[in-house]
Amino acid sequence: MNMDKIYAEAIVNEYSKKRASKVVALKKLDRRAKLPALIFAYSSGIVSALVLGVGMCLSMGVIGGGSTVFTALGIAVGILGLAGVGVNYPIYKSILNRSKEKYAGDIINLASEIADEAD
């Protein structure tokens, strides 16, 4: 194949006006269905990991002076962080399933329209 022709077609496709297609709409619906669960999972995971890290620092004496009170507080905070990390995935799956149920009708209709056009 002529590499110049392929390169030229790629450039033309990059600068040509895009038409809104049903496949693009289907991808957008799929992303819209998954986005709330992803946002929750990342934010909850980050916060839980930070809480776990603070608990570890308190219990090892990196912050708080290393007294018995701060060590006990660190263990309690660490357990809270572990609990947050542990429940993150089940809550993510729950949010994802609810969101998929919400958009299932639209996604199935659009996908069947695309499949019918392909035949």
PDB file of N, CA and C in Angstrom:
ATOM      1  N   MET A   1       0.835  -1.191   0.000  1.00  0.00           N
ATOM      2  CA  MET A   1       0.000   0.000   0.000  1.00  0.00           C
ATOM      3  C   MET A   1       0.874   1.246   0.000  1.00  0.00           C
ATOM      4  N   ASN A   2       0.298   2.262  -0.511  1.00  0.00           N
ATOM      5  CA  ASN A   2       0.995   3.533  -0.571  1.00  0.00           C
ATOM      6  C   ASN A   2       0.844   4.241   0.774  1.00  0.00           C
ATOM      7  N   MET A   3       1.932   4.414   1.471  1.00  0.00           N
ATOM      8  CA  MET A   3       1.891   5.022   2.802  1.00  0.00           C
ATOM      9  C   MET A   3       1.458   6.483   2.744  1.00  0.00           C
ATOM     10  N   ASP A   4       1.803   7.168   1.662  1.00  0.00           N
ATOM     11  CA  ASP A   4       1.402   8.573   1.531  1.00  0.00           C
ATOM     12  C   ASP A   4      -0.116   8.700   1.434  1.00  0.00           C
ATOM     13  N   LYS A   5      -0.735   7.767   0.725  1.00  0.00           N
ATOM     14  CA  LYS A   5      -2.186   7.794   0.582  1.00  0.00           C
ATOM     15  C   LYS A   5      -2.871   7.549   1.929  1.00  0.00           C
ATOM     16  N   ILE A   6      -2.351   6.595   2.689  1.00  0.00           N
ATOM     17  CA  ILE A   6      -2.916   6.295   4.008  1.00  0.00           C
ATOM     18  C   ILE A   6      -2.772   7.494   4.933  1.00  0.00           C
ATOM     19  N   TYR A   7      -1.590   8.118   4.889  1.00  0.00           N
ATOM     20  CA  TYR A   7      -1.352   9.297   5.725  1.00  0.00           C
ATOM     21  C   TYR A   7      -2.279  10.439   5.330  1.00  0.00           C
ATOM     22  N   ALA A   8      -2.461  10.630   4.028  1.00  0.00           N
ATOM     23  CA  ALA A   8      -3.337  11.707   3.553  1.00  0.00           C
ATOM     24  C   ALA A   8      -4.781  11.461   3.979  1.00  0.00           C
ATOM     25  N   GLU A   9      -5.235  10.206   3.906  1.00  0.00           N
ATOM     26  CA  GLU A   9      -6.596   9.897   4.333  1.00  0.00           C
ATOM     27  C   GLU A   9      -6.778  10.108   5.827  1.00  0.00           C
ATOM     28  N   ALA A  10      -5.757   9.801   6.591  1.00  0.00           N
ATOM     29  CA  ALA A  10      -5.835  10.031   8.033  1.00  0.00           C
ATOM     30  C   ALA A  10      -5.943  11.518   8.342  1.00  0.00           C
ATOM     31  N   ILE A  11      -5.199  12.319   7.646  1.00  0.00           N
ATOM     32  CA  ILE A  11      -5.264  13.777   7.846  1.00  0.00           C
ATOM     33  C   ILE A  11      -6.632  14.309   7.438  1.00  0.00           C
ATOM     34  N   VAL A  12      -7.148  13.838   6.312  1.00  0.00           N
ATOM     35  CA  VAL A  12      -8.473  14.276   5.854  1.00  0.00           C
ATOM     36  C   VAL A  12      -9.535  13.904   6.877  1.00  0.00           C
ATOM     37  N   ASN A  13      -9.457  12.686   7.406  1.00  0.00           N
ATOM     38  CA  ASN A  13     -10.428  12.268   8.410  1.00  0.00           C
ATOM     39  C   ASN A  13     -10.335  13.101   9.674  1.00  0.00           C
ATOM     40  N   GLU A  14      -9.146  13.531  10.001  1.00  0.00           N
ATOM     41  CA  GLU A  14      -8.960  14.336  11.214  1.00  0.00           C
ATOM     42  C   GLU A  14      -9.602  15.714  11.068  1.00  0.00           C
ATOM     43  N   TYR A  15      -9.523  16.297   9.875  1.00  0.00           N
ATOM     44  CA  TYR A  15     -10.018  17.650   9.685  1.00  0.00           C
ATOM     45  C   TYR A  15     -11.420  17.723   9.093  1.00  0.00           C
ATOM     46  N   SER A  16     -11.968  16.619   8.660  1.00  0.00           N
ATOM     47  CA  SER A  16     -13.305  16.655   8.075  1.00  0.00           C
ATOM     48  C   SER A  16     -14.357  16.752   9.174  1.00  0.00           C
ATOM     49  N   LYS A  17     -15.510  17.267   8.783  1.00  0.00           N
ATOM     50  CA  LYS A  17     -16.596  17.449   9.735  1.00  0.00           C
ATOM     51  C   LYS A  17     -17.150  16.087  10.129  1.00  0.00           C
ATOM     52  N   LYS A  18     -17.324  15.889  11.395  1.00  0.00           N
ATOM     53  CA  LYS A  18     -17.810  14.612  11.902  1.00  0.00           C
ATOM     54  C   LYS A  18     -19.338  14.605  11.905  1.00  0.00           C
ATOM     55  N   ARG A  19     -19.896  13.468  11.492  1.00  0.00           N
ATOM     56  CA  ARG A  19     -21.337  13.304  11.560  1.00  0.00           C
ATOM     57  C   ARG A  19     -21.671  12.552  12.844  1.00  0.00           C
ATOM     58  N   ALA A  20     -22.744  12.961  13.461  1.00  0.00           N
ATOM     59  CA  ALA A  20     -23.187  12.269  14.672  1.00  0.00           C
ATOM     60  C   ALA A  20     -23.785  10.930  14.253  1.00  0.00           C
ATOM     61  N   SER A  21     -23.227   9.871  14.762  1.00  0.00           N
ATOM     62  CA  SER A  21     -23.729   8.557  14.400  1.00  0.00           C
ATOM     63  C   SER A  21     -24.357   7.898  15.619  1.00  0.00           C
ATOM     64  N   LYS A  22     -25.084   6.836  15.350  1.00  0.00           N
ATOM     65  CA  LYS A  22     -25.751   6.132  16.434  1.00  0.00           C
ATOM     66  C   LYS A  22     -24.742   5.386  17.307  1.00  0.00           C
ATOM     67  N   VAL A  23     -23.629   4.985  16.715  1.00  0.00           N
ATOM     68  CA  VAL A  23     -22.598   4.299  17.487  1.00  0.00           C
ATOM     69  C   VAL A  23     -21.987   5.259  18.513  1.00  0.00           C
ATOM     70  N   VAL A  24     -21.765   6.496  18.102  1.00  0.00           N
ATOM     71  CA  VAL A  24     -21.236   7.499  19.025  1.00  0.00           C
ATOM     72  C   VAL A  24     -22.244   7.758  20.150  1.00  0.00           C
ATOM     73  N   ALA A  25     -23.516   7.844  19.790  1.00  0.00           N
ATOM     74  CA  ALA A  25     -24.561   8.040  20.804  1.00  0.00           C
ATOM     75  C   ALA A  25     -24.616   6.860  21.760  1.00  0.00           C
ATOM     76  N   LEU A  26     -24.430   5.644  21.235  1.00  0.00           N
ATOM     77  CA  LEU A  26     -24.424   4.459  22.081  1.00  0.00           C
ATOM     78  C   LEU A  26     -23.242   4.475  23.053  1.00  0.00           C
ATOM     79  N   LYS A  27     -22.079   4.881  22.562  1.00  0.00           N
ATOM     80  CA  LYS A  27     -20.901   4.982  23.436  1.00  0.00           C
ATOM     81  C   LYS A  27     -21.111   6.024  24.523  1.00  0.00           C
ATOM     82  N   LYS A  28     -21.741   7.145  24.164  1.00  0.00           N
ATOM     83  CA  LYS A  28     -22.013   8.185  25.153  1.00  0.00           C
ATOM     84  C   LYS A  28     -22.983   7.697  26.224  1.00  0.00           C
ATOM     85  N   LEU A  29     -24.003   6.977  25.808  1.00  0.00           N
ATOM     86  CA  LEU A  29     -24.957   6.421  26.777  1.00  0.00           C
ATOM     87  C   LEU A  29     -24.260   5.423  27.706  1.00  0.00           C
ATOM     88  N   ASP A  30     -23.381   4.606  27.152  1.00  0.00           N
ATOM     89  CA  ASP A  30     -22.650   3.636  27.955  1.00  0.00           C
ATOM     90  C   ASP A  30     -21.766   4.345  28.978  1.00  0.00           C
ATOM     91  N   ARG A  31     -21.079   5.386  28.539  1.00  0.00           N
ATOM     92  CA  ARG A  31     -20.239   6.154  29.479  1.00  0.00           C
ATOM     93  C   ARG A  31     -21.079   6.840  30.543  1.00  0.00           C
ATOM     94  N   ARG A  32     -22.246   7.367  30.133  1.00  0.00           N
ATOM     95  CA  ARG A  32     -23.118   8.039  31.089  1.00  0.00           C
ATOM     96  C   ARG A  32     -23.645   7.064  32.131  1.00  0.00           C
ATOM     97  N   ALA A  33     -23.852   5.824  31.735  1.00  0.00           N
ATOM     98  CA  ALA A  33     -24.334   4.811  32.669  1.00  0.00           C
ATOM     99  C   ALA A  33     -23.248   4.418  33.668  1.00  0.00           C
ATOM    100  N   LYS A  34     -21.998   4.402  33.232  1.00  0.00           N
ATOM    101  CA  LYS A  34     -20.907   3.943  34.093  1.00  0.00           C
ATOM    102  C   LYS A  34     -20.243   5.055  34.903  1.00  0.00           C
ATOM    103  N   LEU A  35     -20.422   6.301  34.505  1.00  0.00           N
ATOM    104  CA  LEU A  35     -19.701   7.406  35.141  1.00  0.00           C
ATOM    105  C   LEU A  35     -19.985   7.589  36.628  1.00  0.00           C
ATOM    106  N   PRO A  36     -21.234   7.564  37.099  1.00  0.00           N
ATOM    107  CA  PRO A  36     -21.457   7.764  38.541  1.00  0.00           C
ATOM    108  C   PRO A  36     -20.753   6.722  39.405  1.00  0.00           C
ATOM    109  N   ALA A  37     -20.757   5.477  38.956  1.00  0.00           N
ATOM    110  CA  ALA A  37     -20.091   4.422  39.724  1.00  0.00           C
ATOM    111  C   ALA A  37     -18.582   4.630  39.740  1.00  0.00           C
ATOM    112  N   LEU A  38     -18.014   5.043  38.611  1.00  0.00           N
ATOM    113  CA  LEU A  38     -16.575   5.285  38.561  1.00  0.00           C
ATOM    114  C   LEU A  38     -16.171   6.449  39.452  1.00  0.00           C
ATOM    115  N   ILE A  39     -16.954   7.522  39.414  1.00  0.00           N
ATOM    116  CA  ILE A  39     -16.641   8.675  40.256  1.00  0.00           C
ATOM    117  C   ILE A  39     -16.676   8.280  41.723  1.00  0.00           C
ATOM    118  N   PHE A  40     -17.703   7.526  42.113  1.00  0.00           N
ATOM    119  CA  PHE A  40     -17.769   7.082  43.504  1.00  0.00           C
ATOM    120  C   PHE A  40     -16.585   6.199  43.862  1.00  0.00           C
ATOM    121  N   ALA A  41     -16.281   5.242  42.996  1.00  0.00           N
ATOM    122  CA  ALA A  41     -15.216   4.283  43.314  1.00  0.00           C
ATOM    123  C   ALA A  41     -13.873   4.983  43.491  1.00  0.00           C
ATOM    124  N   TYR A  42     -13.538   5.879  42.580  1.00  0.00           N
ATOM    125  CA  TYR A  42     -12.252   6.568  42.696  1.00  0.00           C
ATOM    126  C   TYR A  42     -12.206   7.477  43.915  1.00  0.00           C
ATOM    127  N   SER A  43     -13.239   8.278  44.125  1.00  0.00           N
ATOM    128  CA  SER A  43     -13.206   9.220  45.250  1.00  0.00           C
ATOM    129  C   SER A  43     -13.241   8.478  46.581  1.00  0.00           C
ATOM    130  N   SER A  44     -14.079   7.468  46.703  1.00  0.00           N
ATOM    131  CA  SER A  44     -14.140   6.705  47.947  1.00  0.00           C
ATOM    132  C   SER A  44     -12.849   5.941  48.188  1.00  0.00           C
ATOM    133  N   GLY A  45     -12.274   5.383  47.136  1.00  0.00           N
ATOM    134  CA  GLY A  45     -11.012   4.660  47.283  1.00  0.00           C
ATOM    135  C   GLY A  45      -9.878   5.559  47.712  1.00  0.00           C
ATOM    136  N   ILE A  46      -9.808   6.742  47.138  1.00  0.00           N
ATOM    137  CA  ILE A  46      -8.745   7.685  47.502  1.00  0.00           C
ATOM    138  C   ILE A  46      -8.899   8.124  48.952  1.00  0.00           C
ATOM    139  N   VAL A  47     -10.111   8.498  49.337  1.00  0.00           N
ATOM    140  CA  VAL A  47     -10.340   8.953  50.715  1.00  0.00           C
ATOM    141  C   VAL A  47     -10.063   7.827  51.713  1.00  0.00           C
ATOM    142  N   SER A  48     -10.523   6.622  51.405  1.00  0.00           N
ATOM    143  CA  SER A  48     -10.300   5.496  52.321  1.00  0.00           C
ATOM    144  C   SER A  48      -8.815   5.166  52.445  1.00  0.00           C
ATOM    145  N   ALA A  49      -8.093   5.228  51.339  1.00  0.00           N
ATOM    146  CA  ALA A  49      -6.656   4.961  51.394  1.00  0.00           C
ATOM    147  C   ALA A  49      -5.929   6.027  52.205  1.00  0.00           C
ATOM    148  N   LEU A  50      -6.357   7.274  52.067  1.00  0.00           N
ATOM    149  CA  LEU A  50      -5.735   8.342  52.863  1.00  0.00           C
ATOM    150  C   LEU A  50      -6.033   8.177  54.349  1.00  0.00           C
ATOM    151  N   VAL A  51      -7.268   7.790  54.684  1.00  0.00           N
ATOM    152  CA  VAL A  51      -7.620   7.546  56.091  1.00  0.00           C
ATOM    153  C   VAL A  51      -6.796   6.387  56.636  1.00  0.00           C
ATOM    154  N   LEU A  52      -6.647   5.340  55.849  1.00  0.00           N
ATOM    155  CA  LEU A  52      -5.818   4.204  56.257  1.00  0.00           C
ATOM    156  C   LEU A  52      -4.376   4.632  56.474  1.00  0.00           C
ATOM    157  N   GLY A  53      -3.858   5.470  55.598  1.00  0.00           N
ATOM    158  CA  GLY A  53      -2.491   5.966  55.740  1.00  0.00           C
ATOM    159  C   GLY A  53      -2.301   6.816  56.980  1.00  0.00           C
ATOM    160  N   VAL A  54      -3.276   7.656  57.285  1.00  0.00           N
ATOM    161  CA  VAL A  54      -3.191   8.471  58.504  1.00  0.00           C
ATOM    162  C   VAL A  54      -3.210   7.572  59.732  1.00  0.00           C
ATOM    163  N   GLY A  55      -4.052   6.558  59.700  1.00  0.00           N
ATOM    164  CA  GLY A  55      -4.090   5.609  60.815  1.00  0.00           C
ATOM    165  C   GLY A  55      -2.768   4.894  60.995  1.00  0.00           C
ATOM    166  N   MET A  56      -2.151   4.504  59.901  1.00  0.00           N
ATOM    167  CA  MET A  56      -0.845   3.842  59.995  1.00  0.00           C
ATOM    168  C   MET A  56       0.205   4.782  60.559  1.00  0.00           C
ATOM    169  N   CYS A  57       0.188   6.030  60.095  1.00  0.00           N
ATOM    170  CA  CYS A  57       1.172   7.005  60.596  1.00  0.00           C
ATOM    171  C   CYS A  57       0.976   7.264  62.088  1.00  0.00           C
ATOM    172  N   LEU A  58      -0.269   7.362  62.524  1.00  0.00           N
ATOM    173  CA  LEU A  58      -0.531   7.561  63.946  1.00  0.00           C
ATOM    174  C   LEU A  58      -0.086   6.357  64.773  1.00  0.00           C
ATOM    175  N   SER A  59      -0.376   5.170  64.287  1.00  0.00           N
ATOM    176  CA  SER A  59      -0.045   3.982  65.077  1.00  0.00           C
ATOM    177  C   SER A  59       1.453   3.707  65.110  1.00  0.00           C
ATOM    178  N   MET A  60       2.196   4.115  64.088  1.00  0.00           N
ATOM    179  CA  MET A  60       3.643   3.896  64.079  1.00  0.00           C
ATOM    180  C   MET A  60       4.417   5.052  64.696  1.00  0.00           C
ATOM    181  N   GLY A  61       3.742   6.108  65.072  1.00  0.00           N
ATOM    182  CA  GLY A  61       4.401   7.225  65.734  1.00  0.00           C
ATOM    183  C   GLY A  61       5.030   8.227  64.793  1.00  0.00           C
ATOM    184  N   VAL A  62       4.722   8.168  63.514  1.00  0.00           N
ATOM    185  CA  VAL A  62       5.262   9.141  62.573  1.00  0.00           C
ATOM    186  C   VAL A  62       4.651  10.508  62.841  1.00  0.00           C
ATOM    187  N   ILE A  63       3.361  10.535  63.127  1.00  0.00           N
ATOM    188  CA  ILE A  63       2.699  11.767  63.557  1.00  0.00           C
ATOM    189  C   ILE A  63       2.044  11.490  64.903  1.00  0.00           C
ATOM    190  N   GLY A  64       1.909  12.476  65.709  1.00  0.00           N
ATOM    191  CA  GLY A  64       1.230  12.341  66.984  1.00  0.00           C
ATOM    192  C   GLY A  64       2.114  12.037  68.173  1.00  0.00           C
ATOM    193  N   GLY A  65       3.391  11.887  67.990  1.00  0.00           N
ATOM    194  CA  GLY A  65       4.290  11.726  69.136  1.00  0.00           C
ATOM    195  C   GLY A  65       4.517  10.291  69.577  1.00  0.00           C
ATOM    196  N   GLY A  66       3.756   9.333  69.113  1.00  0.00           N
ATOM    197  CA  GLY A  66       3.995   7.932  69.436  1.00  0.00           C
ATOM    198  C   GLY A  66       3.517   7.488  70.796  1.00  0.00           C
ATOM    199  N   SER A  67       2.660   8.254  71.451  1.00  0.00           N
ATOM    200  CA  SER A  67       2.151   7.827  72.751  1.00  0.00           C
ATOM    201  C   SER A  67       1.112   6.722  72.564  1.00  0.00           C
ATOM    202  N   THR A  68       0.747   6.108  73.654  1.00  0.00           N
ATOM    203  CA  THR A  68      -0.209   5.004  73.619  1.00  0.00           C
ATOM    204  C   THR A  68      -1.573   5.467  73.116  1.00  0.00           C
ATOM    205  N   VAL A  69      -1.963   6.665  73.475  1.00  0.00           N
ATOM    206  CA  VAL A  69      -3.256   7.199  73.034  1.00  0.00           C
ATOM    207  C   VAL A  69      -3.268   7.354  71.514  1.00  0.00           C
ATOM    208  N   PHE A  70      -2.199   7.910  70.957  1.00  0.00           N
ATOM    209  CA  PHE A  70      -2.151   8.100  69.509  1.00  0.00           C
ATOM    210  C   PHE A  70      -2.013   6.770  68.765  1.00  0.00           C
ATOM    211  N   THR A  71      -1.355   5.803  69.378  1.00  0.00           N
ATOM    212  CA  THR A  71      -1.260   4.486  68.766  1.00  0.00           C
ATOM    213  C   THR A  71      -2.637   3.829  68.704  1.00  0.00           C
ATOM    214  N   ALA A  72      -3.394   3.911  69.788  1.00  0.00           N
ATOM    215  CA  ALA A  72      -4.749   3.349  69.804  1.00  0.00           C
ATOM    216  C   ALA A  72      -5.651   4.099  68.817  1.00  0.00           C
ATOM    217  N   LEU A  73      -5.519   5.408  68.763  1.00  0.00           N
ATOM    218  CA  LEU A  73      -6.283   6.215  67.810  1.00  0.00           C
ATOM    219  C   LEU A  73      -5.907   5.831  66.374  1.00  0.00           C
ATOM    220  N   GLY A  74      -4.623   5.609  66.144  1.00  0.00           N
ATOM    221  CA  GLY A  74      -4.161   5.211  64.815  1.00  0.00           C
ATOM    222  C   GLY A  74      -4.730   3.870  64.381  1.00  0.00           C
ATOM    223  N   ILE A  75      -4.797   2.935  65.330  1.00  0.00           N
ATOM    224  CA  ILE A  75      -5.374   1.629  65.004  1.00  0.00           C
ATOM    225  C   ILE A  75      -6.849   1.785  64.657  1.00  0.00           C
ATOM    226  N   ALA A  76      -7.578   2.593  65.420  1.00  0.00           N
ATOM    227  CA  ALA A  76      -9.009   2.808  65.150  1.00  0.00           C
ATOM    228  C   ALA A  76      -9.209   3.487  63.790  1.00  0.00           C
ATOM    229  N   VAL A  77      -8.398   4.502  63.504  1.00  0.00           N
ATOM    230  CA  VAL A  77      -8.517   5.208  62.228  1.00  0.00           C
ATOM    231  C   VAL A  77      -8.134   4.268  61.080  1.00  0.00           C
ATOM    232  N   GLY A  78      -7.120   3.450  61.299  1.00  0.00           N
ATOM    233  CA  GLY A  78      -6.717   2.485  60.282  1.00  0.00           C
ATOM    234  C   GLY A  78      -7.799   1.469  59.986  1.00  0.00           C
ATOM    235  N   ILE A  79      -8.493   1.015  61.013  1.00  0.00           N
ATOM    236  CA  ILE A  79      -9.592   0.073  60.814  1.00  0.00           C
ATOM    237  C   ILE A  79     -10.724   0.742  60.034  1.00  0.00           C
ATOM    238  N   LEU A  80     -10.982   2.017  60.308  1.00  0.00           N
ATOM    239  CA  LEU A  80     -11.983   2.752  59.517  1.00  0.00           C
ATOM    240  C   LEU A  80     -11.568   2.818  58.050  1.00  0.00           C
ATOM    241  N   GLY A  81     -10.292   3.074  57.805  1.00  0.00           N
ATOM    242  CA  GLY A  81      -9.793   3.119  56.431  1.00  0.00           C
ATOM    243  C   GLY A  81      -9.912   1.769  55.747  1.00  0.00           C
ATOM    244  N   LEU A  82      -9.581   0.701  56.477  1.00  0.00           N
ATOM    245  CA  LEU A  82      -9.724  -0.649  55.920  1.00  0.00           C
ATOM    246  C   LEU A  82     -11.180  -0.971  55.600  1.00  0.00           C
ATOM    247  N   ALA A  83     -12.080  -0.556  56.480  1.00  0.00           N
ATOM    248  CA  ALA A  83     -13.504  -0.787  56.232  1.00  0.00           C
ATOM    249  C   ALA A  83     -13.960  -0.037  54.980  1.00  0.00           C
ATOM    250  N   GLY A  84     -13.487   1.195  54.830  1.00  0.00           N
ATOM    251  CA  GLY A  84     -13.843   1.967  53.638  1.00  0.00           C
ATOM    252  C   GLY A  84     -13.333   1.332  52.361  1.00  0.00           C
ATOM    253  N   VAL A  85     -12.102   0.834  52.409  1.00  0.00           N
ATOM    254  CA  VAL A  85     -11.538   0.159  51.242  1.00  0.00           C
ATOM    255  C   VAL A  85     -12.298  -1.140  50.973  1.00  0.00           C
ATOM    256  N   GLY A  86     -12.695  -1.831  52.024  1.00  0.00           N
ATOM    257  CA  GLY A  86     -13.389  -3.108  51.869  1.00  0.00           C
ATOM    258  C   GLY A  86     -14.778  -2.996  51.283  1.00  0.00           C
ATOM    259  N   VAL A  87     -15.495  -1.954  51.596  1.00  0.00           N
ATOM    260  CA  VAL A  87     -16.866  -1.815  51.084  1.00  0.00           C
ATOM    261  C   VAL A  87     -16.923  -1.039  49.776  1.00  0.00           C
ATOM    262  N   ASN A  88     -15.793  -0.557  49.315  1.00  0.00           N
ATOM    263  CA  ASN A  88     -15.777   0.255  48.103  1.00  0.00           C
ATOM    264  C   ASN A  88     -16.289  -0.527  46.892  1.00  0.00           C
ATOM    265  N   TYR A  89     -15.800  -1.720  46.667  1.00  0.00           N
ATOM    266  CA  TYR A  89     -16.203  -2.485  45.481  1.00  0.00           C
ATOM    267  C   TYR A  89     -17.668  -2.917  45.520  1.00  0.00           C
ATOM    268  N   PRO A  90     -18.184  -3.431  46.629  1.00  0.00           N
ATOM    269  CA  PRO A  90     -19.619  -3.778  46.618  1.00  0.00           C
ATOM    270  C   PRO A  90     -20.529  -2.571  46.379  1.00  0.00           C
ATOM    271  N   ILE A  91     -20.182  -1.439  46.928  1.00  0.00           N
ATOM    272  CA  ILE A  91     -20.990  -0.238  46.687  1.00  0.00           C
ATOM    273  C   ILE A  91     -20.864   0.194  45.227  1.00  0.00           C
ATOM    274  N   TYR A  92     -19.658   0.104  44.673  1.00  0.00           N
ATOM    275  CA  TYR A  92     -19.445   0.417  43.254  1.00  0.00           C
ATOM    276  C   TYR A  92     -20.334  -0.454  42.371  1.00  0.00           C
ATOM    277  N   LYS A  93     -20.351  -1.771  42.628  1.00  0.00           N
ATOM    278  CA  LYS A  93     -21.168  -2.681  41.831  1.00  0.00           C
ATOM    279  C   LYS A  93     -22.654  -2.351  41.967  1.00  0.00           C
ATOM    280  N   SER A  94     -23.078  -1.981  43.167  1.00  0.00           N
ATOM    281  CA  SER A  94     -24.475  -1.624  43.389  1.00  0.00           C
ATOM    282  C   SER A  94     -24.859  -0.381  42.588  1.00  0.00           C
ATOM    283  N   ILE A  95     -24.023   0.638  42.644  1.00  0.00           N
ATOM    284  CA  ILE A  95     -24.293   1.872  41.892  1.00  0.00           C
ATOM    285  C   ILE A  95     -24.273   1.591  40.399  1.00  0.00           C
ATOM    286  N   LEU A  96     -23.323   0.778  39.949  1.00  0.00           N
ATOM    287  CA  LEU A  96     -23.221   0.446  38.535  1.00  0.00           C
ATOM    288  C   LEU A  96     -24.454  -0.312  38.056  1.00  0.00           C
ATOM    289  N   ASN A  97     -24.924  -1.268  38.835  1.00  0.00           N
ATOM    290  CA  ASN A  97     -26.112  -2.030  38.439  1.00  0.00           C
ATOM    291  C   ASN A  97     -27.352  -1.157  38.382  1.00  0.00           C
ATOM    292  N   ARG A  98     -27.515  -0.258  39.360  1.00  0.00           N
ATOM    293  CA  ARG A  98     -28.666   0.657  39.333  1.00  0.00           C
ATOM    294  C   ARG A  98     -28.613   1.564  38.119  1.00  0.00           C
ATOM    295  N   SER A  99     -27.428   2.070  37.819  1.00  0.00           N
ATOM    296  CA  SER A  99     -27.270   2.965  36.683  1.00  0.00           C
ATOM    297  C   SER A  99     -27.487   2.224  35.361  1.00  0.00           C
ATOM    298  N   LYS A 100     -27.019   0.981  35.282  1.00  0.00           N
ATOM    299  CA  LYS A 100     -27.247   0.194  34.071  1.00  0.00           C
ATOM    300  C   LYS A 100     -28.736  -0.089  33.873  1.00  0.00           C
ATOM    301  N   GLU A 101     -29.447  -0.356  34.966  1.00  0.00           N
ATOM    302  CA  GLU A 101     -30.889  -0.567  34.859  1.00  0.00           C
ATOM    303  C   GLU A 101     -31.599   0.688  34.367  1.00  0.00           C
ATOM    304  N   LYS A 102     -31.114   1.832  34.799  1.00  0.00           N
ATOM    305  CA  LYS A 102     -31.725   3.105  34.416  1.00  0.00           C
ATOM    306  C   LYS A 102     -31.589   3.357  32.913  1.00  0.00           C
ATOM    307  N   TYR A 103     -30.419   3.037  32.346  1.00  0.00           N
ATOM    308  CA  TYR A 103     -30.160   3.321  30.936  1.00  0.00           C
ATOM    309  C   TYR A 103     -30.332   2.103  30.034  1.00  0.00           C
ATOM    310  N   ALA A 104     -30.716   0.968  30.579  1.00  0.00           N
ATOM    311  CA  ALA A 104     -30.777  -0.270  29.799  1.00  0.00           C
ATOM    312  C   ALA A 104     -31.728  -0.164  28.613  1.00  0.00           C
ATOM    313  N   GLY A 105     -32.906   0.399  28.811  1.00  0.00           N
ATOM    314  CA  GLY A 105     -33.879   0.497  27.729  1.00  0.00           C
ATOM    315  C   GLY A 105     -33.363   1.303  26.552  1.00  0.00           C
ATOM    316  N   ASP A 106     -32.796   2.474  26.834  1.00  0.00           N
ATOM    317  CA  ASP A 106     -32.270   3.323  25.764  1.00  0.00           C
ATOM    318  C   ASP A 106     -31.107   2.653  25.036  1.00  0.00           C
ATOM    319  N   ILE A 107     -30.221   2.020  25.799  1.00  0.00           N
ATOM    320  CA  ILE A 107     -29.052   1.388  25.195  1.00  0.00           C
ATOM    321  C   ILE A 107     -29.474   0.209  24.329  1.00  0.00           C
ATOM    322  N   ILE A 108     -30.404  -0.598  24.809  1.00  0.00           N
ATOM    323  CA  ILE A 108     -30.856  -1.764  24.038  1.00  0.00           C
ATOM    324  C   ILE A 108     -31.576  -1.328  22.765  1.00  0.00           C
ATOM    325  N   ASN A 109     -32.419  -0.300  22.865  1.00  0.00           N
ATOM    326  CA  ASN A 109     -33.119   0.196  21.671  1.00  0.00           C
ATOM    327  C   ASN A 109     -32.139   0.718  20.629  1.00  0.00           C
ATOM    328  N   LEU A 110     -31.173   1.514  21.083  1.00  0.00           N
ATOM    329  CA  LEU A 110     -30.205   2.076  20.151  1.00  0.00           C
ATOM    330  C   LEU A 110     -29.324   0.989  19.550  1.00  0.00           C
ATOM    331  N   ALA A 111     -28.917   0.022  20.349  1.00  0.00           N
ATOM    332  CA  ALA A 111     -28.094  -1.076  19.841  1.00  0.00           C
ATOM    333  C   ALA A 111     -28.861  -1.920  18.833  1.00  0.00           C
ATOM    334  N   SER A 112     -30.134  -2.145  19.075  1.00  0.00           N
ATOM    335  CA  SER A 112     -30.922  -2.930  18.116  1.00  0.00           C
ATOM    336  C   SER A 112     -31.128  -2.165  16.825  1.00  0.00           C
ATOM    337  N   GLU A 113     -31.268  -0.830  16.904  1.00  0.00           N
ATOM    338  CA  GLU A 113     -31.365  -0.013  15.683  1.00  0.00           C
ATOM    339  C   GLU A 113     -30.077  -0.115  14.868  1.00  0.00           C
ATOM    340  N   ILE A 114     -28.943  -0.072  15.558  1.00  0.00           N
ATOM    341  CA  ILE A 114     -27.663  -0.177  14.862  1.00  0.00           C
ATOM    342  C   ILE A 114     -27.521  -1.560  14.221  1.00  0.00           C
ATOM    343  N   ALA A 115     -27.930  -2.581  14.932  1.00  0.00           N
ATOM    344  CA  ALA A 115     -27.832  -3.941  14.404  1.00  0.00           C
ATOM    345  C   ALA A 115     -28.766  -4.126  13.200  1.00  0.00           C
ATOM    346  N   ASP A 116     -29.932  -3.519  13.245  1.00  0.00           N
ATOM    347  CA  ASP A 116     -30.867  -3.622  12.129  1.00  0.00           C
ATOM    348  C   ASP A 116     -30.343  -2.904  10.893  1.00  0.00           C
ATOM    349  N   GLU A 117     -29.674  -1.768  11.087  1.00  0.00           N
ATOM    350  CA  GLU A 117     -29.104  -1.035   9.965  1.00  0.00           C
ATOM    351  C   GLU A 117     -27.938  -1.778   9.339  1.00  0.00           C
ATOM    352  N   ALA A 118     -27.222  -2.554  10.144  1.00  0.00           N
ATOM    353  CA  ALA A 118     -26.066  -3.278   9.631  1.00  0.00           C
ATOM    354  C   ALA A 118     -26.486  -4.439   8.730  1.00  0.00           C
ATOM    355  N   ASP A 119     -27.683  -4.937   8.910  1.00  0.00           N
ATOM    356  CA  ASP A 119     -28.149  -6.084   8.095  1.00  0.00           C
ATOM    357  C   ASP A 119     -28.498  -5.685   6.713  1.00  0.00           C
TER     358      ASP A 119
END
